[in-house]
Amino acid sequence: MPDGSSGHTLRRVELLRQLRAGDFDVLVGINLLREGLDLPEVSLVATLDADKEGFLRSGTSLIQTIGRAARNVSGEVHMYADKITDSMRHAIDETDRRRAKQVAYNKERGVDPQPLRKKIADILDRVYSEAEDTESVAGMPRAELADLIQQMTDQMMQAARDLQFELAARLRDEVADLKKELRGMDAAGIK
C-alpha cells in the first residue's frame, strides 16, 4: 500500500474503497493499520516479525493492530515470530482480558454479536479530509510552513514521550510531507 504522502492519497482512498467493496481479499501495508481507520470488513491481520521489538512492535502498537481485526465477529490475528516478546505477551494478555470481559458482558445481557455494517463513504470521509488538509498548505507562506513543521515536530516528540506511538508515527509522516513541500519552495526560490 502506498505511504501516506499527499500524492498517494487518492490511490489509497481507492484501495480502501475496493477492499471494503470486496473487490479483493488482501491488502498489504502498514499505514492502513497505523491510521486507526475503522474497517469492519477486516477479518485477518497478520504481523510479520512480531518479535522484532521497536516502534511498530510495542505492546501498544500490537494492541492497536490486533484491534483492526477485533471489529469483525470472525476476526483473527496471526503474529509470526521466533519467540514471544514482552510486548507480544502484553498485547496477548490485554486482548484476552478484553475478550473475556466482552464475552461476559454479552452473555449477561443475551447479546449475540453481529457483523458491523458501515457505509463505505462514512469510513473514508476521514481520508478525504486528510487530503484537503494537505492541499491547504499549498498556498501557505514559507515562514508559516516552517512554523507549522516545528509545531508538529514538537507534538510528535511529546506523543512519543507519552508513549502514543501511533500518533507520533502519523505526525512523523505528516512532518516528512511538509518538509518535502518546504524543500520544493526553497528550490523554487519562494520566500
N, C-alpha and C. Protein backbone atom coordinates (compact mmCIF):
# COMPACT_ATOMS: atom_id res chain seq x y z
N MET A 1 0.85 -1.18 0.00
CA MET A 1 0.00 0.00 0.00
C MET A 1 0.89 1.24 0.00
N PRO A 2 0.55 2.26 -0.76
CA PRO A 2 1.38 3.46 -0.80
C PRO A 2 1.46 4.12 0.56
N ASP A 3 2.53 4.93 0.76
CA ASP A 3 2.67 5.63 2.02
C ASP A 3 1.63 6.74 2.13
N GLY A 4 1.67 7.51 3.22
CA GLY A 4 0.64 8.50 3.48
C GLY A 4 0.86 9.83 2.81
N SER A 5 1.79 9.95 1.86
CA SER A 5 2.05 11.24 1.24
C SER A 5 0.85 11.69 0.42
N SER A 6 0.74 13.00 0.25
CA SER A 6 -0.42 13.57 -0.43
C SER A 6 -0.55 13.05 -1.86
N GLY A 7 0.56 12.73 -2.52
CA GLY A 7 0.50 12.22 -3.87
C GLY A 7 -0.18 10.87 -3.97
N HIS A 8 -0.20 10.14 -2.89
CA HIS A 8 -0.80 8.80 -2.91
C HIS A 8 -2.18 8.76 -2.28
N THR A 9 -2.68 9.88 -1.80
CA THR A 9 -3.93 9.87 -1.04
C THR A 9 -5.10 9.34 -1.85
N LEU A 10 -5.25 9.80 -3.08
CA LEU A 10 -6.39 9.34 -3.89
C LEU A 10 -6.28 7.85 -4.18
N ARG A 11 -5.08 7.37 -4.46
CA ARG A 11 -4.90 5.94 -4.71
C ARG A 11 -5.23 5.14 -3.46
N ARG A 12 -4.83 5.66 -2.30
CA ARG A 12 -5.10 4.99 -1.03
C ARG A 12 -6.61 4.91 -0.79
N VAL A 13 -7.31 6.01 -1.05
CA VAL A 13 -8.76 6.04 -0.89
C VAL A 13 -9.40 4.98 -1.78
N GLU A 14 -8.94 4.91 -3.02
CA GLU A 14 -9.50 3.93 -3.95
C GLU A 14 -9.22 2.50 -3.48
N LEU A 15 -8.01 2.23 -2.99
CA LEU A 15 -7.69 0.89 -2.49
C LEU A 15 -8.59 0.51 -1.31
N LEU A 16 -8.79 1.44 -0.40
CA LEU A 16 -9.65 1.16 0.76
C LEU A 16 -11.09 0.92 0.33
N ARG A 17 -11.56 1.71 -0.64
CA ARG A 17 -12.92 1.52 -1.14
C ARG A 17 -13.05 0.13 -1.78
N GLN A 18 -12.06 -0.27 -2.56
CA GLN A 18 -12.09 -1.58 -3.21
C GLN A 18 -12.05 -2.71 -2.18
N LEU A 19 -11.25 -2.55 -1.14
CA LEU A 19 -11.20 -3.56 -0.08
C LEU A 19 -12.57 -3.69 0.57
N ARG A 20 -13.16 -2.56 0.92
CA ARG A 20 -14.47 -2.57 1.59
C ARG A 20 -15.54 -3.15 0.68
N ALA A 21 -15.43 -2.90 -0.62
CA ALA A 21 -16.43 -3.38 -1.57
C ALA A 21 -16.24 -4.86 -1.90
N GLY A 22 -15.14 -5.46 -1.44
CA GLY A 22 -14.89 -6.87 -1.71
C GLY A 22 -14.27 -7.13 -3.07
N ASP A 23 -13.70 -6.09 -3.70
CA ASP A 23 -13.06 -6.27 -5.00
C ASP A 23 -11.81 -7.13 -4.90
N PHE A 24 -11.17 -7.14 -3.73
CA PHE A 24 -10.05 -8.03 -3.48
C PHE A 24 -10.05 -8.41 -2.00
N ASP A 25 -9.30 -9.45 -1.68
CA ASP A 25 -9.34 -10.02 -0.34
C ASP A 25 -8.16 -9.65 0.54
N VAL A 26 -7.06 -9.21 -0.04
CA VAL A 26 -5.85 -8.97 0.73
C VAL A 26 -5.30 -7.59 0.39
N LEU A 27 -4.90 -6.86 1.42
CA LEU A 27 -4.23 -5.58 1.25
C LEU A 27 -3.01 -5.60 2.15
N VAL A 28 -1.84 -5.42 1.56
CA VAL A 28 -0.60 -5.48 2.31
C VAL A 28 -0.09 -4.07 2.55
N GLY A 29 0.23 -3.76 3.80
CA GLY A 29 0.77 -2.45 4.13
C GLY A 29 0.75 -2.22 5.62
N ILE A 30 1.38 -1.12 6.06
CA ILE A 30 1.38 -0.81 7.48
C ILE A 30 0.60 0.45 7.81
N ASN A 31 0.54 1.41 6.89
CA ASN A 31 -0.14 2.66 7.19
C ASN A 31 -1.62 2.46 7.47
N LEU A 32 -2.23 1.54 6.78
CA LEU A 32 -3.64 1.26 6.99
C LEU A 32 -3.91 0.93 8.45
N LEU A 33 -3.06 0.12 9.04
CA LEU A 33 -3.24 -0.29 10.42
C LEU A 33 -2.90 0.82 11.39
N ARG A 34 -1.92 1.62 11.03
CA ARG A 34 -1.48 2.67 11.93
C ARG A 34 -2.48 3.80 12.05
N GLU A 35 -3.22 4.06 11.00
CA GLU A 35 -4.01 5.26 10.95
C GLU A 35 -5.32 5.20 11.71
N GLY A 36 -5.70 4.06 12.20
CA GLY A 36 -6.91 3.99 13.01
C GLY A 36 -8.20 4.04 12.21
N LEU A 37 -8.15 3.71 10.94
CA LEU A 37 -9.37 3.66 10.16
C LEU A 37 -10.22 2.49 10.63
N ASP A 38 -11.51 2.71 10.71
CA ASP A 38 -12.44 1.68 11.17
C ASP A 38 -12.91 0.89 9.95
N LEU A 39 -12.38 -0.30 9.77
CA LEU A 39 -12.73 -1.14 8.63
C LEU A 39 -13.27 -2.47 9.14
N PRO A 40 -14.59 -2.55 9.38
CA PRO A 40 -15.14 -3.78 9.96
C PRO A 40 -15.00 -5.01 9.08
N GLU A 41 -14.72 -4.82 7.80
CA GLU A 41 -14.54 -5.98 6.91
C GLU A 41 -13.24 -6.71 7.15
N VAL A 42 -12.30 -6.10 7.84
CA VAL A 42 -11.00 -6.74 8.08
C VAL A 42 -11.21 -7.94 9.00
N SER A 43 -10.93 -9.13 8.49
CA SER A 43 -11.14 -10.34 9.29
C SER A 43 -9.84 -11.03 9.67
N LEU A 44 -8.74 -10.61 9.09
CA LEU A 44 -7.45 -11.21 9.42
C LEU A 44 -6.37 -10.14 9.37
N VAL A 45 -5.60 -10.07 10.44
CA VAL A 45 -4.44 -9.19 10.48
C VAL A 45 -3.24 -10.07 10.78
N ALA A 46 -2.22 -9.99 9.94
CA ALA A 46 -1.00 -10.76 10.15
C ALA A 46 0.15 -9.79 10.40
N THR A 47 0.91 -10.04 11.45
CA THR A 47 2.08 -9.23 11.77
C THR A 47 3.32 -10.10 11.57
N LEU A 48 4.11 -9.73 10.58
CA LEU A 48 5.36 -10.45 10.33
C LEU A 48 6.43 -9.93 11.26
N ASP A 49 7.35 -10.78 11.66
CA ASP A 49 8.43 -10.39 12.58
C ASP A 49 7.89 -9.71 13.83
N ALA A 50 6.84 -10.26 14.39
CA ALA A 50 6.21 -9.65 15.57
C ALA A 50 7.16 -9.59 16.76
N ASP A 51 8.20 -10.40 16.75
CA ASP A 51 9.15 -10.42 17.86
C ASP A 51 10.29 -9.41 17.69
N LYS A 52 10.25 -8.62 16.65
CA LYS A 52 11.27 -7.58 16.45
C LYS A 52 10.81 -6.34 17.19
N GLU A 53 11.30 -6.18 18.42
CA GLU A 53 10.89 -5.05 19.27
C GLU A 53 11.19 -3.73 18.56
N GLY A 54 10.33 -2.77 18.75
CA GLY A 54 10.55 -1.46 18.16
C GLY A 54 9.27 -0.68 18.05
N PHE A 55 9.34 0.38 17.26
CA PHE A 55 8.27 1.35 17.14
C PHE A 55 6.92 0.72 16.81
N LEU A 56 6.87 -0.13 15.79
CA LEU A 56 5.61 -0.73 15.37
C LEU A 56 5.35 -2.07 16.03
N ARG A 57 6.21 -2.48 16.95
CA ARG A 57 6.04 -3.76 17.63
C ARG A 57 5.95 -3.58 19.14
N SER A 58 5.69 -2.38 19.60
CA SER A 58 5.49 -2.15 21.04
C SER A 58 4.17 -2.81 21.45
N GLY A 59 3.99 -3.02 22.73
CA GLY A 59 2.74 -3.60 23.21
C GLY A 59 1.54 -2.79 22.76
N THR A 60 1.64 -1.47 22.87
CA THR A 60 0.54 -0.59 22.48
C THR A 60 0.25 -0.70 20.98
N SER A 61 1.29 -0.70 20.17
CA SER A 61 1.10 -0.81 18.72
C SER A 61 0.49 -2.15 18.34
N LEU A 62 0.95 -3.22 18.98
CA LEU A 62 0.39 -4.54 18.69
C LEU A 62 -1.08 -4.61 19.09
N ILE A 63 -1.43 -4.02 20.23
CA ILE A 63 -2.83 -4.00 20.66
C ILE A 63 -3.68 -3.25 19.64
N GLN A 64 -3.18 -2.11 19.15
CA GLN A 64 -3.93 -1.35 18.16
C GLN A 64 -4.06 -2.12 16.85
N THR A 65 -3.01 -2.82 16.47
CA THR A 65 -3.07 -3.63 15.26
C THR A 65 -4.07 -4.77 15.42
N ILE A 66 -4.04 -5.42 16.56
CA ILE A 66 -4.99 -6.50 16.86
C ILE A 66 -6.42 -5.97 16.79
N GLY A 67 -6.60 -4.74 17.25
CA GLY A 67 -7.92 -4.13 17.25
C GLY A 67 -8.54 -4.00 15.87
N ARG A 68 -7.73 -3.97 14.82
CA ARG A 68 -8.27 -3.88 13.47
C ARG A 68 -9.11 -5.11 13.14
N ALA A 69 -8.70 -6.27 13.60
CA ALA A 69 -9.46 -7.49 13.34
C ALA A 69 -10.56 -7.69 14.37
N ALA A 70 -10.44 -7.06 15.52
CA ALA A 70 -11.41 -7.26 16.60
C ALA A 70 -12.78 -6.69 16.27
N ARG A 71 -12.87 -5.81 15.28
CA ARG A 71 -14.17 -5.24 14.89
C ARG A 71 -15.01 -6.24 14.11
N ASN A 72 -14.40 -7.32 13.66
CA ASN A 72 -15.09 -8.32 12.86
C ASN A 72 -15.40 -9.53 13.76
N VAL A 73 -16.65 -10.00 13.74
CA VAL A 73 -17.01 -11.11 14.63
C VAL A 73 -16.21 -12.38 14.32
N SER A 74 -15.67 -12.49 13.13
CA SER A 74 -14.85 -13.64 12.76
C SER A 74 -13.37 -13.28 12.69
N GLY A 75 -13.01 -12.14 13.26
CA GLY A 75 -11.64 -11.63 13.15
C GLY A 75 -10.59 -12.53 13.78
N GLU A 76 -9.45 -12.61 13.12
CA GLU A 76 -8.31 -13.38 13.62
C GLU A 76 -7.05 -12.55 13.50
N VAL A 77 -6.10 -12.82 14.39
CA VAL A 77 -4.79 -12.16 14.34
C VAL A 77 -3.73 -13.24 14.36
N HIS A 78 -2.78 -13.12 13.45
CA HIS A 78 -1.66 -14.05 13.40
C HIS A 78 -0.39 -13.23 13.60
N MET A 79 0.38 -13.57 14.60
CA MET A 79 1.67 -12.91 14.83
C MET A 79 2.76 -13.94 14.54
N TYR A 80 3.58 -13.66 13.55
CA TYR A 80 4.66 -14.56 13.18
C TYR A 80 5.93 -14.12 13.88
N ALA A 81 6.55 -15.05 14.62
CA ALA A 81 7.73 -14.70 15.41
C ALA A 81 8.50 -15.96 15.77
N ASP A 82 9.77 -15.78 16.12
CA ASP A 82 10.60 -16.88 16.60
C ASP A 82 10.42 -17.10 18.09
N LYS A 83 10.04 -16.03 18.80
CA LYS A 83 9.83 -16.13 20.25
C LYS A 83 8.75 -15.13 20.65
N ILE A 84 8.17 -15.31 21.82
CA ILE A 84 7.17 -14.37 22.32
C ILE A 84 7.90 -13.33 23.17
N THR A 85 7.82 -12.07 22.73
CA THR A 85 8.47 -10.97 23.45
C THR A 85 7.55 -10.46 24.55
N ASP A 86 8.10 -9.60 25.41
CA ASP A 86 7.28 -8.97 26.45
C ASP A 86 6.15 -8.16 25.83
N SER A 87 6.42 -7.47 24.73
CA SER A 87 5.39 -6.68 24.05
C SER A 87 4.28 -7.58 23.52
N MET A 88 4.66 -8.70 22.93
CA MET A 88 3.67 -9.64 22.43
C MET A 88 2.85 -10.21 23.58
N ARG A 89 3.51 -10.61 24.65
CA ARG A 89 2.82 -11.16 25.82
C ARG A 89 1.83 -10.14 26.38
N HIS A 90 2.26 -8.88 26.49
CA HIS A 90 1.38 -7.82 26.98
C HIS A 90 0.15 -7.68 26.07
N ALA A 91 0.38 -7.65 24.76
CA ALA A 91 -0.72 -7.48 23.81
C ALA A 91 -1.68 -8.67 23.86
N ILE A 92 -1.14 -9.87 23.94
CA ILE A 92 -1.98 -11.08 24.01
C ILE A 92 -2.78 -11.09 25.30
N ASP A 93 -2.12 -10.82 26.42
CA ASP A 93 -2.80 -10.81 27.72
C ASP A 93 -3.90 -9.75 27.77
N GLU A 94 -3.60 -8.56 27.26
CA GLU A 94 -4.59 -7.48 27.28
C GLU A 94 -5.77 -7.81 26.36
N THR A 95 -5.49 -8.40 25.21
CA THR A 95 -6.55 -8.79 24.29
C THR A 95 -7.42 -9.88 24.91
N ASP A 96 -6.79 -10.86 25.55
CA ASP A 96 -7.55 -11.92 26.23
C ASP A 96 -8.43 -11.34 27.34
N ARG A 97 -7.88 -10.37 28.10
CA ARG A 97 -8.64 -9.74 29.18
C ARG A 97 -9.87 -9.02 28.61
N ARG A 98 -9.66 -8.26 27.56
CA ARG A 98 -10.77 -7.51 26.95
C ARG A 98 -11.81 -8.46 26.37
N ARG A 99 -11.34 -9.53 25.74
CA ARG A 99 -12.24 -10.52 25.14
C ARG A 99 -13.10 -11.17 26.21
N ALA A 100 -12.48 -11.59 27.31
CA ALA A 100 -13.23 -12.22 28.41
C ALA A 100 -14.28 -11.26 28.96
N LYS A 101 -13.91 -10.01 29.11
CA LYS A 101 -14.85 -9.00 29.61
C LYS A 101 -16.03 -8.83 28.64
N GLN A 102 -15.75 -8.79 27.34
CA GLN A 102 -16.81 -8.63 26.34
C GLN A 102 -17.72 -9.85 26.29
N VAL A 103 -17.14 -11.04 26.35
CA VAL A 103 -17.94 -12.27 26.34
C VAL A 103 -18.85 -12.32 27.56
N ALA A 104 -18.32 -11.97 28.73
CA ALA A 104 -19.14 -11.96 29.96
C ALA A 104 -20.28 -10.94 29.83
N TYR A 105 -19.97 -9.77 29.31
CA TYR A 105 -20.98 -8.73 29.12
C TYR A 105 -22.07 -9.23 28.17
N ASN A 106 -21.66 -9.82 27.05
CA ASN A 106 -22.63 -10.32 26.07
C ASN A 106 -23.50 -11.42 26.66
N LYS A 107 -22.89 -12.34 27.41
CA LYS A 107 -23.63 -13.45 28.00
C LYS A 107 -24.64 -12.94 29.02
N GLU A 108 -24.21 -12.02 29.87
CA GLU A 108 -25.07 -11.47 30.91
C GLU A 108 -26.29 -10.77 30.32
N ARG A 109 -26.14 -10.16 29.16
CA ARG A 109 -27.21 -9.38 28.56
C ARG A 109 -27.87 -10.08 27.37
N GLY A 110 -27.45 -11.31 27.09
CA GLY A 110 -28.04 -12.05 25.98
C GLY A 110 -27.73 -11.45 24.61
N VAL A 111 -26.56 -10.87 24.48
CA VAL A 111 -26.18 -10.23 23.22
C VAL A 111 -25.53 -11.26 22.30
N ASP A 112 -26.01 -11.32 21.06
CA ASP A 112 -25.42 -12.18 20.04
C ASP A 112 -24.68 -11.27 19.06
N PRO A 113 -23.34 -11.25 19.09
CA PRO A 113 -22.60 -10.32 18.22
C PRO A 113 -22.96 -10.49 16.75
N GLN A 114 -23.17 -9.37 16.09
CA GLN A 114 -23.49 -9.35 14.67
C GLN A 114 -22.42 -8.56 13.93
N PRO A 115 -22.18 -8.91 12.68
CA PRO A 115 -21.19 -8.15 11.91
C PRO A 115 -21.57 -6.68 11.81
N LEU A 116 -20.58 -5.81 11.90
CA LEU A 116 -20.80 -4.38 11.70
C LEU A 116 -20.99 -4.11 10.22
N ARG A 117 -21.89 -3.21 9.93
CA ARG A 117 -22.08 -2.79 8.55
C ARG A 117 -22.05 -1.27 8.52
N LYS A 118 -21.08 -0.75 7.82
CA LYS A 118 -20.96 0.70 7.70
C LYS A 118 -20.91 1.08 6.23
N LYS A 119 -21.42 2.26 5.95
CA LYS A 119 -21.32 2.76 4.59
C LYS A 119 -19.86 3.04 4.28
N ILE A 120 -19.46 2.71 3.08
CA ILE A 120 -18.07 2.92 2.68
C ILE A 120 -17.69 4.39 2.82
N ALA A 121 -18.57 5.29 2.43
CA ALA A 121 -18.27 6.72 2.49
C ALA A 121 -18.02 7.19 3.92
N ASP A 122 -18.73 6.64 4.90
CA ASP A 122 -18.56 7.06 6.29
C ASP A 122 -17.12 6.89 6.75
N ILE A 123 -16.53 5.77 6.43
CA ILE A 123 -15.19 5.45 6.90
C ILE A 123 -14.14 6.23 6.12
N LEU A 124 -14.36 6.45 4.85
CA LEU A 124 -13.34 7.10 4.03
C LEU A 124 -13.42 8.62 4.08
N ASP A 125 -14.44 9.18 4.71
CA ASP A 125 -14.53 10.64 4.86
C ASP A 125 -13.26 11.19 5.50
N ARG A 126 -12.72 10.48 6.49
CA ARG A 126 -11.51 10.93 7.18
C ARG A 126 -10.33 11.03 6.23
N VAL A 127 -10.22 10.08 5.31
CA VAL A 127 -9.11 10.09 4.36
C VAL A 127 -9.25 11.29 3.43
N TYR A 128 -10.47 11.56 2.96
CA TYR A 128 -10.68 12.73 2.11
C TYR A 128 -10.36 14.01 2.87
N SER A 129 -10.72 14.07 4.14
CA SER A 129 -10.44 15.23 4.97
C SER A 129 -8.93 15.45 5.08
N GLU A 130 -8.17 14.37 5.25
CA GLU A 130 -6.71 14.48 5.33
C GLU A 130 -6.15 15.03 4.02
N ALA A 131 -6.73 14.61 2.89
CA ALA A 131 -6.27 15.10 1.59
C ALA A 131 -6.50 16.60 1.48
N GLU A 132 -7.65 17.07 1.95
CA GLU A 132 -7.95 18.50 1.92
C GLU A 132 -6.98 19.27 2.81
N ASP A 133 -6.64 18.71 3.99
CA ASP A 133 -5.69 19.36 4.89
C ASP A 133 -4.34 19.52 4.22
N THR A 134 -3.90 18.49 3.49
CA THR A 134 -2.62 18.53 2.82
C THR A 134 -2.62 19.60 1.73
N GLU A 135 -3.74 19.67 0.98
CA GLU A 135 -3.83 20.66 -0.08
C GLU A 135 -3.83 22.08 0.47
N SER A 136 -4.31 22.29 1.71
CA SER A 136 -4.42 23.63 2.26
C SER A 136 -3.06 24.27 2.53
N VAL A 137 -1.98 23.51 2.61
CA VAL A 137 -0.66 24.09 2.84
C VAL A 137 -0.04 24.59 1.54
N ALA A 138 -0.64 24.26 0.40
CA ALA A 138 -0.06 24.61 -0.89
C ALA A 138 0.17 26.11 -1.04
N GLY A 139 -0.73 26.95 -0.57
CA GLY A 139 -0.57 28.38 -0.72
C GLY A 139 0.01 29.08 0.49
N MET A 140 0.46 28.31 1.46
CA MET A 140 0.96 28.86 2.72
C MET A 140 2.33 29.52 2.51
N PRO A 141 2.55 30.71 3.10
CA PRO A 141 3.88 31.33 3.03
C PRO A 141 4.95 30.43 3.68
N ARG A 142 6.19 30.55 3.18
CA ARG A 142 7.27 29.69 3.65
C ARG A 142 7.46 29.76 5.16
N ALA A 143 7.44 30.96 5.74
CA ALA A 143 7.66 31.11 7.18
C ALA A 143 6.58 30.39 7.99
N GLU A 144 5.33 30.49 7.53
CA GLU A 144 4.23 29.81 8.23
C GLU A 144 4.40 28.30 8.14
N LEU A 145 4.82 27.82 6.97
CA LEU A 145 5.03 26.38 6.79
C LEU A 145 6.15 25.89 7.71
N ALA A 146 7.22 26.66 7.82
CA ALA A 146 8.33 26.29 8.71
C ALA A 146 7.85 26.26 10.17
N ASP A 147 7.02 27.23 10.56
CA ASP A 147 6.46 27.23 11.92
C ASP A 147 5.58 26.02 12.15
N LEU A 148 4.75 25.68 11.16
CA LEU A 148 3.87 24.51 11.28
C LEU A 148 4.69 23.24 11.44
N ILE A 149 5.77 23.12 10.68
CA ILE A 149 6.65 21.95 10.79
C ILE A 149 7.22 21.85 12.20
N GLN A 150 7.66 22.97 12.76
CA GLN A 150 8.22 22.96 14.11
C GLN A 150 7.16 22.57 15.14
N GLN A 151 5.95 23.12 15.01
CA GLN A 151 4.87 22.79 15.94
C GLN A 151 4.54 21.30 15.88
N MET A 152 4.45 20.76 14.66
CA MET A 152 4.12 19.35 14.52
C MET A 152 5.26 18.46 15.01
N THR A 153 6.50 18.89 14.82
CA THR A 153 7.64 18.14 15.34
C THR A 153 7.58 18.09 16.87
N ASP A 154 7.26 19.23 17.49
CA ASP A 154 7.11 19.28 18.95
C ASP A 154 6.00 18.34 19.41
N GLN A 155 4.86 18.35 18.69
CA GLN A 155 3.75 17.45 19.02
C GLN A 155 4.16 15.99 18.88
N MET A 156 4.94 15.69 17.84
CA MET A 156 5.41 14.33 17.61
C MET A 156 6.29 13.86 18.76
N MET A 157 7.21 14.72 19.18
CA MET A 157 8.11 14.36 20.28
C MET A 157 7.32 14.16 21.58
N GLN A 158 6.33 15.01 21.82
CA GLN A 158 5.50 14.86 23.02
C GLN A 158 4.71 13.56 22.96
N ALA A 159 4.16 13.24 21.80
CA ALA A 159 3.41 11.99 21.65
C ALA A 159 4.32 10.79 21.92
N ALA A 160 5.55 10.83 21.45
CA ALA A 160 6.49 9.74 21.70
C ALA A 160 6.80 9.63 23.20
N ARG A 161 7.00 10.79 23.86
CA ARG A 161 7.26 10.76 25.31
C ARG A 161 6.06 10.19 26.07
N ASP A 162 4.85 10.44 25.55
CA ASP A 162 3.62 9.95 26.19
C ASP A 162 3.28 8.53 25.76
N LEU A 163 4.18 7.90 25.00
CA LEU A 163 4.02 6.53 24.51
C LEU A 163 2.83 6.38 23.58
N GLN A 164 2.45 7.46 22.91
CA GLN A 164 1.39 7.44 21.90
C GLN A 164 2.05 7.25 20.54
N PHE A 165 2.53 6.04 20.31
CA PHE A 165 3.37 5.78 19.16
C PHE A 165 2.64 5.92 17.83
N GLU A 166 1.38 5.56 17.80
CA GLU A 166 0.63 5.68 16.54
C GLU A 166 0.49 7.14 16.14
N LEU A 167 0.15 7.99 17.11
CA LEU A 167 0.05 9.42 16.84
C LEU A 167 1.41 9.97 16.42
N ALA A 168 2.46 9.57 17.11
CA ALA A 168 3.81 10.04 16.77
C ALA A 168 4.17 9.63 15.34
N ALA A 169 3.82 8.42 14.94
CA ALA A 169 4.12 7.95 13.59
C ALA A 169 3.35 8.76 12.55
N ARG A 170 2.09 9.03 12.82
CA ARG A 170 1.29 9.81 11.89
C ARG A 170 1.87 11.23 11.74
N LEU A 171 2.23 11.83 12.88
CA LEU A 171 2.83 13.17 12.85
C LEU A 171 4.17 13.15 12.11
N ARG A 172 4.97 12.11 12.33
CA ARG A 172 6.26 11.98 11.64
C ARG A 172 6.05 11.97 10.12
N ASP A 173 5.05 11.21 9.67
CA ASP A 173 4.77 11.14 8.24
C ASP A 173 4.31 12.49 7.69
N GLU A 174 3.47 13.18 8.45
CA GLU A 174 2.99 14.49 8.02
C GLU A 174 4.13 15.50 7.97
N VAL A 175 5.01 15.46 8.98
CA VAL A 175 6.17 16.37 9.00
C VAL A 175 7.06 16.10 7.79
N ALA A 176 7.27 14.83 7.46
CA ALA A 176 8.09 14.49 6.29
C ALA A 176 7.48 15.06 5.02
N ASP A 177 6.16 14.95 4.87
CA ASP A 177 5.49 15.52 3.70
C ASP A 177 5.64 17.03 3.65
N LEU A 178 5.48 17.68 4.80
CA LEU A 178 5.60 19.14 4.85
C LEU A 178 7.03 19.59 4.56
N LYS A 179 8.01 18.81 5.03
CA LYS A 179 9.41 19.15 4.75
C LYS A 179 9.70 19.05 3.25
N LYS A 180 9.09 18.07 2.57
CA LYS A 180 9.24 17.96 1.12
C LYS A 180 8.69 19.22 0.44
N GLU A 181 7.52 19.64 0.92
CA GLU A 181 6.90 20.86 0.39
C GLU A 181 7.83 22.06 0.60
N LEU A 182 8.42 22.15 1.79
CA LEU A 182 9.32 23.25 2.12
C LEU A 182 10.57 23.22 1.23
N ARG A 183 11.12 22.03 1.02
CA ARG A 183 12.29 21.91 0.13
C ARG A 183 11.94 22.35 -1.29
N GLY A 184 10.73 22.00 -1.72
CA GLY A 184 10.28 22.43 -3.05
C GLY A 184 10.19 23.94 -3.14
N MET A 185 9.70 24.56 -2.07
CA MET A 185 9.62 26.03 -2.04
C MET A 185 11.02 26.63 -2.10
N ASP A 186 11.94 26.05 -1.33
CA ASP A 186 13.32 26.55 -1.32
C ASP A 186 13.96 26.42 -2.70
N ALA A 187 13.73 25.27 -3.34
CA ALA A 187 14.30 25.04 -4.67
C ALA A 187 13.74 26.02 -5.70
N ALA A 188 12.48 26.42 -5.50
CA ALA A 188 11.84 27.36 -6.42
C ALA A 188 12.12 28.81 -6.05
N GLY A 189 12.83 29.02 -4.94
CA GLY A 189 13.16 30.37 -4.51
C GLY A 189 12.00 31.12 -3.88
N ILE A 190 11.00 30.39 -3.39
CA ILE A 190 9.83 31.01 -2.76
C ILE A 190 10.17 31.39 -1.33
N LYS A 191 9.87 32.61 -0.97
CA LYS A 191 10.17 33.10 0.39
C LYS A 191 8.94 33.09 1.25
